[in-house]
Protein backbone atom coordinates (compact mmCIF):
# COMPACT_ATOMS: atom_id res chain seq x y z
CA UNK A 1 25.52 -4.41 -67.99
CA UNK A 2 26.25 -3.18 -64.07
CA UNK A 3 23.02 -2.26 -62.88
CA UNK A 4 22.52 -1.86 -58.96
CA UNK A 5 18.90 -3.52 -59.53
CA UNK A 6 17.53 -6.43 -58.27
CA UNK A 7 18.13 -9.38 -60.71
CA UNK A 8 14.86 -9.88 -61.30
CA UNK A 9 13.87 -6.54 -62.64
CA UNK A 10 17.49 -6.60 -64.84
CA UNK A 11 16.32 -9.49 -66.36
CA UNK A 12 12.35 -8.39 -67.13
CA UNK A 13 13.44 -5.16 -68.29
CA UNK A 14 16.04 -6.51 -70.91
CA UNK A 15 14.24 -9.40 -72.26
CA UNK A 16 10.84 -7.40 -72.37
CA UNK A 17 13.31 -4.45 -74.35
CA UNK A 18 14.37 -7.28 -76.23
CA UNK A 19 18.05 -5.86 -75.20
CA UNK A 20 19.65 -9.22 -74.07
CA UNK A 21 21.59 -10.20 -77.34
CA UNK A 22 23.52 -6.64 -76.70
CA UNK A 23 25.09 -7.70 -73.58
CA UNK A 24 27.87 -10.16 -72.87
CA UNK A 25 27.56 -9.81 -68.94
CA UNK A 26 24.89 -8.88 -67.07
CA UNK A 27 25.60 -7.74 -63.65
CA UNK A 28 23.20 -6.76 -60.70
CA UNK A 29 23.89 -4.90 -57.45
CA UNK A 30 23.02 -7.57 -55.33
CA UNK A 31 25.98 -9.25 -55.69
CA UNK A 32 28.06 -6.59 -53.88
CA UNK A 33 28.14 -6.01 -50.23
CA UNK A 34 28.46 -2.54 -51.02
CA UNK A 35 26.45 -0.57 -53.38
CA UNK A 36 27.44 2.22 -55.65
CA UNK A 37 29.19 4.79 -55.08
CA UNK A 38 31.69 1.61 -54.34
CA UNK A 39 33.14 1.32 -57.75
CA UNK A 40 32.99 -2.49 -57.03
CA UNK A 41 30.78 -3.85 -59.71
CA UNK A 42 31.83 -1.83 -62.14
CA UNK A 43 35.72 -2.80 -61.55
CA UNK A 44 34.13 -6.97 -61.65
CA UNK A 45 32.19 -6.24 -64.56
CA UNK A 46 35.36 -5.08 -66.41
CA UNK A 47 37.37 -8.03 -65.13
CA UNK A 48 34.50 -10.23 -66.18
CA UNK A 49 34.86 -8.80 -69.32
CA UNK A 50 38.50 -9.23 -69.66
CA UNK A 51 39.07 -5.22 -69.79
CA UNK A 52 41.10 -2.41 -68.00
CA UNK A 53 38.77 -0.29 -66.66
CA UNK A 54 40.32 2.85 -68.81
CA UNK A 55 38.85 1.96 -71.82
CA UNK A 56 35.54 1.66 -69.94
CA UNK A 57 32.38 3.38 -70.30
CA UNK A 58 29.82 3.66 -67.91
CA UNK A 59 26.38 5.41 -68.98
CA UNK A 60 24.78 6.30 -65.47
CA UNK A 61 21.51 8.51 -64.61
CA UNK A 62 23.14 9.34 -60.92
CA UNK A 63 24.99 11.25 -59.07
CA UNK A 64 26.56 8.19 -57.17
CA UNK A 65 27.02 6.20 -60.42
CA UNK A 66 29.13 8.61 -61.75
CA UNK A 67 31.20 8.67 -58.55
CA UNK A 68 31.60 4.53 -58.44
CA UNK A 69 32.53 5.20 -62.30
CA UNK A 70 34.99 8.23 -61.56
CA UNK A 71 36.50 6.12 -58.70
CA UNK A 72 36.85 2.79 -60.86
CA UNK A 73 38.39 5.09 -63.55
CA UNK A 74 36.21 4.59 -66.15
CA UNK A 75 34.74 6.95 -68.87
CA UNK A 76 31.65 8.66 -68.02
CA UNK A 77 28.21 9.42 -69.98
CA UNK A 78 25.69 11.39 -67.66
CA UNK A 79 22.12 10.75 -68.96
CA UNK A 80 19.44 12.98 -68.11
CA UNK A 81 16.23 12.08 -66.44
CA UNK A 82 13.18 13.44 -68.00
CA UNK A 83 12.07 14.55 -64.62
CA UNK A 84 14.18 14.35 -61.89
CA UNK A 85 17.00 16.64 -61.74
CA UNK A 86 20.35 14.61 -60.90
CA UNK A 87 23.69 16.14 -60.61
CA UNK A 88 25.65 14.93 -63.51
CA UNK A 89 28.61 17.39 -63.16
CA UNK A 90 31.26 13.74 -62.86
CA UNK A 91 30.21 12.93 -66.62
CA UNK A 92 32.67 13.73 -69.27
CA UNK A 93 29.51 13.95 -71.33
CA UNK A 94 25.64 14.45 -70.70
CA UNK A 95 23.23 13.31 -73.07
CA UNK A 96 19.03 13.60 -73.00
CA UNK A 97 18.41 10.35 -74.26
CA UNK A 98 20.53 6.82 -74.76
CA UNK A 99 18.77 7.20 -78.20
CA UNK A 100 21.61 9.84 -79.17
CA UNK A 101 24.51 7.41 -78.14
CA UNK A 102 26.57 6.23 -81.47
CA UNK A 103 29.48 4.17 -81.72
CA UNK A 104 31.16 7.36 -83.31
CA UNK A 105 30.25 9.46 -79.65
CA UNK A 106 31.41 6.20 -77.76
CA UNK A 107 34.26 6.57 -79.77
CA UNK A 108 35.52 9.77 -78.99
CA UNK A 109 34.89 9.28 -75.27
CA UNK A 110 37.55 6.33 -75.59
């Protein structure tokens, strides 16, 4: 997980939602000098996972996040926000909810 949020908030949400076991790496935007749309957070996360950028999939809910993923050379899913309209035009796919993600959909993106 690579989030622009601060480490404390990320840890709280991941723990409260019982998701900590799903992530090998959790990265905060606090660790980088520049935030999205700078791609460094995504590039460094891929590096820490031992992956090239190209097969990585970023799920984003912001235009800056999608631009950062584009600059990193990664696949992009745009997650619609319930009440805030965002420009998700850079996304390879758009979803209404994270519940729509499936292994099949992610494999098709790669």
